[in-house]
């Protein structure tokens, strides 16, 4: 709805009261859907919204029936995620390839908080989760404890999910085929066991305490360059779970 936004560092994506979906960087517009019209402005705030459909298409609507803009990229019905990264790029990933088998945790807030910690792991050899590093979302943390990959709740102190792996050294990597793995060098200690075609994928620590892999990349508002020199802090808005 108008007034709501996704924020990541200096970047935020916001629906304006005039029905224009705008991506800002440092307070300056960097991209928009160009749906700002006089007719829309007189329709009243709150009548416009953006929705990520079950086929992966992002749509800006007014009063339910009127489509003002669409990403025009569709796929099979499934579960998709809209991600805003620290470089100001928007990406739609899907379908969901894998999700951890722990029970969904109760959501204690209805609103989406501004999250400053990283909770998305990108695919590719430049992106690894090493011991001592964590993905965090609200009270949930994903990290390695003696090479056992765990999701923990800082609110309850419980371990919600784990890989039951153990080694002297290790790291977590999301392969370019969407397979999530705990590895020691080239040795595979654990795998999600789900693969897709080669592409760009994301592993997301979700609002309900589960870890999910989405991909590959279906649509983006920008060209994707080499990630090797860019430190990303990412936000995700997963719709239709």
Protein backbone atom coordinates (compact mmCIF):
# COMPACT_ATOMS: atom_id res chain seq x y z
CA UNK A 1 0.00 0.00 0.00
CA UNK A 2 1.01 3.66 -0.33
CA UNK A 3 3.50 4.73 2.34
CA UNK A 4 4.97 1.25 2.86
CA UNK A 5 8.53 0.51 1.79
CA UNK A 6 11.45 -1.92 1.72
CA UNK A 7 14.71 -0.51 3.07
CA UNK A 8 18.31 -1.67 2.74
CA UNK A 9 21.00 0.78 3.76
CA UNK A 10 20.74 3.85 1.52
CA UNK A 11 18.20 2.10 -0.72
CA UNK A 12 14.48 1.85 -0.24
CA UNK A 13 11.59 0.86 -2.46
CA UNK A 14 8.39 2.77 -1.73
CA UNK A 15 4.86 3.03 -3.09
CA UNK A 16 3.91 6.69 -3.43
CA UNK A 17 0.40 8.04 -2.90
CA UNK A 18 0.31 8.88 -6.63
CA UNK A 19 0.72 5.17 -7.48
CA UNK A 20 4.35 5.40 -8.57
CA UNK A 21 6.61 2.62 -7.23
CA UNK A 22 9.97 4.33 -6.69
CA UNK A 23 13.42 3.02 -5.76
CA UNK A 24 15.47 5.62 -3.88
CA UNK A 25 19.22 5.68 -3.29
CA UNK A 26 20.38 8.18 -0.67
CA UNK A 27 17.03 9.97 -0.91
CA UNK A 28 17.25 10.43 -4.69
CA UNK A 29 15.06 8.50 -7.16
CA UNK A 30 17.07 5.82 -8.98
CA UNK A 31 14.29 3.83 -10.69
CA UNK A 32 10.51 3.91 -10.92
CA UNK A 33 7.56 2.27 -12.64
CA UNK A 34 6.51 5.59 -14.19
CA UNK A 35 2.92 5.11 -13.03
CA UNK A 36 2.56 8.66 -11.69
CA UNK A 37 -0.52 10.13 -13.38
CA UNK A 38 -2.96 12.88 -12.49
CA UNK A 39 -5.81 10.35 -12.46
CA UNK A 40 -3.93 8.19 -9.99
CA UNK A 41 -3.08 11.15 -7.79
CA UNK A 42 -6.75 12.07 -7.43
CA UNK A 43 -7.70 8.50 -6.55
CA UNK A 44 -6.58 9.01 -2.97
CA UNK A 45 -3.71 7.56 -1.00
CA UNK A 46 -3.87 3.93 -0.04
CA UNK A 47 -5.60 2.84 -3.28
CA UNK A 48 -2.37 1.67 -4.93
CA UNK A 49 -0.25 -1.34 -4.09
CA UNK A 50 2.42 -3.64 -5.48
CA UNK A 51 1.95 -7.40 -5.32
CA UNK A 52 4.20 -10.31 -6.24
CA UNK A 53 1.93 -12.87 -7.84
CA UNK A 54 2.22 -16.63 -7.56
CA UNK A 55 3.63 -16.78 -11.10
CA UNK A 56 6.53 -14.47 -10.15
CA UNK A 57 5.14 -11.38 -11.84
CA UNK A 58 5.39 -8.08 -9.96
CA UNK A 59 2.33 -5.89 -10.53
CA UNK A 60 1.33 -2.36 -9.50
CA UNK A 61 -2.42 -2.10 -9.14
CA UNK A 62 -4.95 0.59 -8.31
CA UNK A 63 -8.26 -0.31 -6.69
CA UNK A 64 -7.74 -4.05 -7.35
CA UNK A 65 -8.99 -4.05 -10.94
CA UNK A 66 -6.59 -1.64 -12.69
CA UNK A 67 -3.08 -2.82 -13.63
CA UNK A 68 -0.76 0.20 -13.94
CA UNK A 69 2.56 -1.61 -14.41
CA UNK A 70 3.96 -5.13 -14.59
CA UNK A 71 7.43 -6.69 -14.67
CA UNK A 72 6.09 -8.75 -17.61
CA UNK A 73 8.03 -11.85 -16.56
CA UNK A 74 5.91 -14.88 -15.68
CA UNK A 75 6.67 -18.47 -14.76
CA UNK A 76 4.88 -21.46 -13.32
CA UNK A 77 2.72 -21.01 -10.24
CA UNK A 78 4.81 -21.31 -7.10
CA UNK A 79 6.54 -19.41 -4.31
CA UNK A 80 8.74 -16.44 -5.24
CA UNK A 81 10.76 -13.78 -3.41
CA UNK A 82 11.37 -10.11 -4.21
CA UNK A 83 14.85 -9.04 -3.07
CA UNK A 84 16.37 -5.56 -2.73
CA UNK A 85 20.16 -5.65 -2.44
CA UNK A 86 22.68 -3.17 -1.06
CA UNK A 87 23.66 -2.02 -4.57
CA UNK A 88 20.09 -0.89 -5.22
CA UNK A 89 19.07 -3.75 -7.49
CA UNK A 90 15.67 -5.40 -7.33
CA UNK A 91 15.42 -9.08 -8.21
CA UNK A 92 12.61 -11.63 -8.33
CA UNK A 93 13.73 -15.19 -7.51
CA UNK A 94 11.78 -18.38 -7.83
CA UNK A 95 10.44 -20.84 -7.54
CA UNK A 96 11.30 -21.91 -4.03
CA UNK A 97 13.67 -24.86 -4.46
CA UNK A 98 14.09 -25.98 -0.88
CA UNK A 99 13.04 -25.07 2.67
CA UNK A 100 14.29 -26.32 6.04
CA UNK A 101 11.93 -28.81 7.68
CA UNK A 102 11.56 -27.06 11.04
CA UNK A 103 8.12 -25.89 12.08
CA UNK A 104 7.07 -22.34 11.23
CA UNK A 105 7.56 -20.02 14.19
CA UNK A 106 4.81 -17.67 15.30
CA UNK A 107 5.15 -14.17 13.89
CA UNK A 108 4.94 -11.70 16.76
CA UNK A 109 4.71 -8.55 14.64
CA UNK A 110 2.49 -7.81 11.68
CA UNK A 111 4.68 -5.04 10.29
CA UNK A 112 7.93 -5.68 8.44
CA UNK A 113 10.81 -4.16 10.43
CA UNK A 114 13.77 -2.34 8.91
CA UNK A 115 16.47 -5.02 9.06
CA UNK A 116 20.09 -3.82 9.01
CA UNK A 117 21.70 -7.26 9.33
CA UNK A 118 22.35 -9.53 6.38
CA UNK A 119 20.03 -12.52 6.12
CA UNK A 120 20.43 -13.55 2.48
CA UNK A 121 23.22 -15.70 1.01
CA UNK A 122 23.87 -15.29 -2.72
CA UNK A 123 24.91 -18.13 -5.00
CA UNK A 124 28.38 -18.24 -6.49
CA UNK A 125 31.89 -18.96 -5.25
CA UNK A 126 32.43 -15.42 -3.90
CA UNK A 127 29.66 -15.84 -1.33
CA UNK A 128 30.34 -18.09 1.65
CA UNK A 129 29.15 -18.29 5.22
CA UNK A 130 32.18 -19.11 7.39
CA UNK A 131 32.41 -19.95 11.11
CA UNK A 132 31.90 -16.80 13.18
CA UNK A 133 29.64 -15.19 10.58
CA UNK A 134 25.86 -15.31 10.80
CA UNK A 135 22.71 -14.48 8.91
CA UNK A 136 20.22 -12.72 11.18
CA UNK A 137 16.56 -11.83 10.89
CA UNK A 138 14.65 -10.56 13.91
CA UNK A 139 15.36 -13.08 16.68
CA UNK A 140 16.60 -15.79 14.30
CA UNK A 141 20.25 -16.56 13.58
CA UNK A 142 21.83 -18.94 11.07
CA UNK A 143 25.43 -19.92 11.71
CA UNK A 144 27.99 -22.69 12.09
CA UNK A 145 28.76 -24.23 15.48
CA UNK A 146 31.65 -26.72 15.13
CA UNK A 147 30.60 -27.03 11.48
CA UNK A 148 27.01 -27.83 12.43
CA UNK A 149 24.75 -25.42 10.53
CA UNK A 150 22.04 -24.24 12.92
CA UNK A 151 19.03 -21.95 13.06
CA UNK A 152 18.70 -20.59 16.59
CA UNK A 153 16.12 -18.39 18.28
CA UNK A 154 17.71 -15.73 20.50
CA UNK A 155 14.32 -15.14 22.11
CA UNK A 156 13.79 -18.71 23.34
CA UNK A 157 17.36 -20.04 23.20
CA UNK A 158 16.16 -23.04 21.17
CA UNK A 159 17.84 -24.63 18.17
CA UNK A 160 15.11 -24.77 15.53
CA UNK A 161 16.98 -26.69 12.83
CA UNK A 162 20.44 -28.18 12.23
CA UNK A 163 22.42 -30.26 9.76
CA UNK A 164 24.05 -32.51 12.42
CA UNK A 165 27.45 -32.14 10.78
CA UNK A 166 30.84 -31.92 12.50
CA UNK A 167 34.32 -31.10 11.23
CA UNK A 168 37.46 -29.17 12.10
CA UNK A 169 36.90 -26.55 9.39
CA UNK A 170 34.05 -25.78 6.99
CA UNK A 171 31.93 -23.20 5.22
CA UNK A 172 28.42 -22.89 3.75
CA UNK A 173 28.01 -22.25 0.04
CA UNK A 174 25.05 -21.87 -2.28
CA UNK A 175 25.99 -23.36 -5.65
CA UNK A 176 25.04 -21.74 -8.95
CA UNK A 177 22.55 -24.61 -9.46
CA UNK A 178 20.69 -23.71 -6.24
CA UNK A 179 22.10 -26.54 -4.10
CA UNK A 180 22.95 -25.42 -0.55
CA UNK A 181 25.93 -27.21 0.97
CA UNK A 182 28.11 -27.40 4.07
CA UNK A 183 31.63 -28.15 2.83
CA UNK A 184 35.12 -28.81 4.08
CA UNK A 185 37.33 -27.86 1.17
CA UNK A 186 35.91 -29.83 -1.74
CA UNK A 187 34.33 -32.41 0.59
CA UNK A 188 30.56 -32.23 0.97
CA UNK A 189 29.41 -32.61 4.59
CA UNK A 190 25.73 -31.86 3.98
CA UNK A 191 23.53 -30.90 1.05
CA UNK A 192 19.99 -29.67 0.58
CA UNK A 193 19.75 -32.20 -2.25
CA UNK A 194 17.83 -29.89 -4.57
CA UNK A 195 19.33 -28.66 -7.84
CA UNK A 196 18.10 -26.55 -10.71
CA UNK A 197 19.53 -25.04 -13.86
CA UNK A 198 22.61 -22.85 -13.59
CA UNK A 199 21.72 -19.29 -12.60
CA UNK A 200 21.49 -16.83 -9.70
CA UNK A 201 19.91 -18.11 -6.47
CA UNK A 202 19.39 -16.83 -2.93
CA UNK A 203 19.15 -18.59 0.43
CA UNK A 204 16.88 -16.59 2.72
CA UNK A 205 16.55 -16.71 6.50
CA UNK A 206 12.82 -16.09 6.70
CA UNK A 207 10.54 -14.24 9.08
CA UNK A 208 9.10 -17.55 10.35
CA UNK A 209 12.46 -19.01 11.44
CA UNK A 210 13.01 -21.22 8.40
CA UNK A 211 15.71 -21.18 5.73
CA UNK A 212 14.63 -21.31 2.09
CA UNK A 213 16.35 -21.33 -1.31
CA UNK A 214 14.74 -19.38 -4.17
CA UNK A 215 15.80 -19.19 -7.80
CA UNK A 216 16.88 -18.76 -10.30
CA UNK A 217 16.61 -15.03 -11.04
CA UNK A 218 13.44 -14.36 -13.02
CA UNK A 219 13.51 -10.56 -13.33
CA UNK A 220 15.63 -7.59 -12.29
CA UNK A 221 15.44 -3.83 -12.72
CA UNK A 222 19.18 -3.66 -13.52
CA UNK A 223 22.04 -5.41 -15.24
CA UNK A 224 23.92 -7.82 -12.98
CA UNK A 225 27.68 -7.31 -12.87
CA UNK A 226 30.39 -9.36 -11.20
CA UNK A 227 29.68 -9.54 -7.47
CA UNK A 228 33.29 -10.23 -6.42
CA UNK A 229 34.07 -6.63 -5.41
CA UNK A 230 30.71 -5.74 -3.89
CA UNK A 231 29.73 -6.31 -0.27
CA UNK A 232 25.99 -6.89 -0.21
CA UNK A 233 23.53 -6.27 2.60
CA UNK A 234 20.24 -7.66 1.45
CA UNK A 235 16.58 -7.51 2.23
CA UNK A 236 13.88 -9.80 0.99
CA UNK A 237 10.18 -9.59 0.75
CA UNK A 238 8.85 -13.11 0.29
CA UNK A 239 5.29 -13.22 -0.91
CA UNK A 240 2.76 -16.03 -1.11
CA UNK A 241 4.42 -18.41 1.37
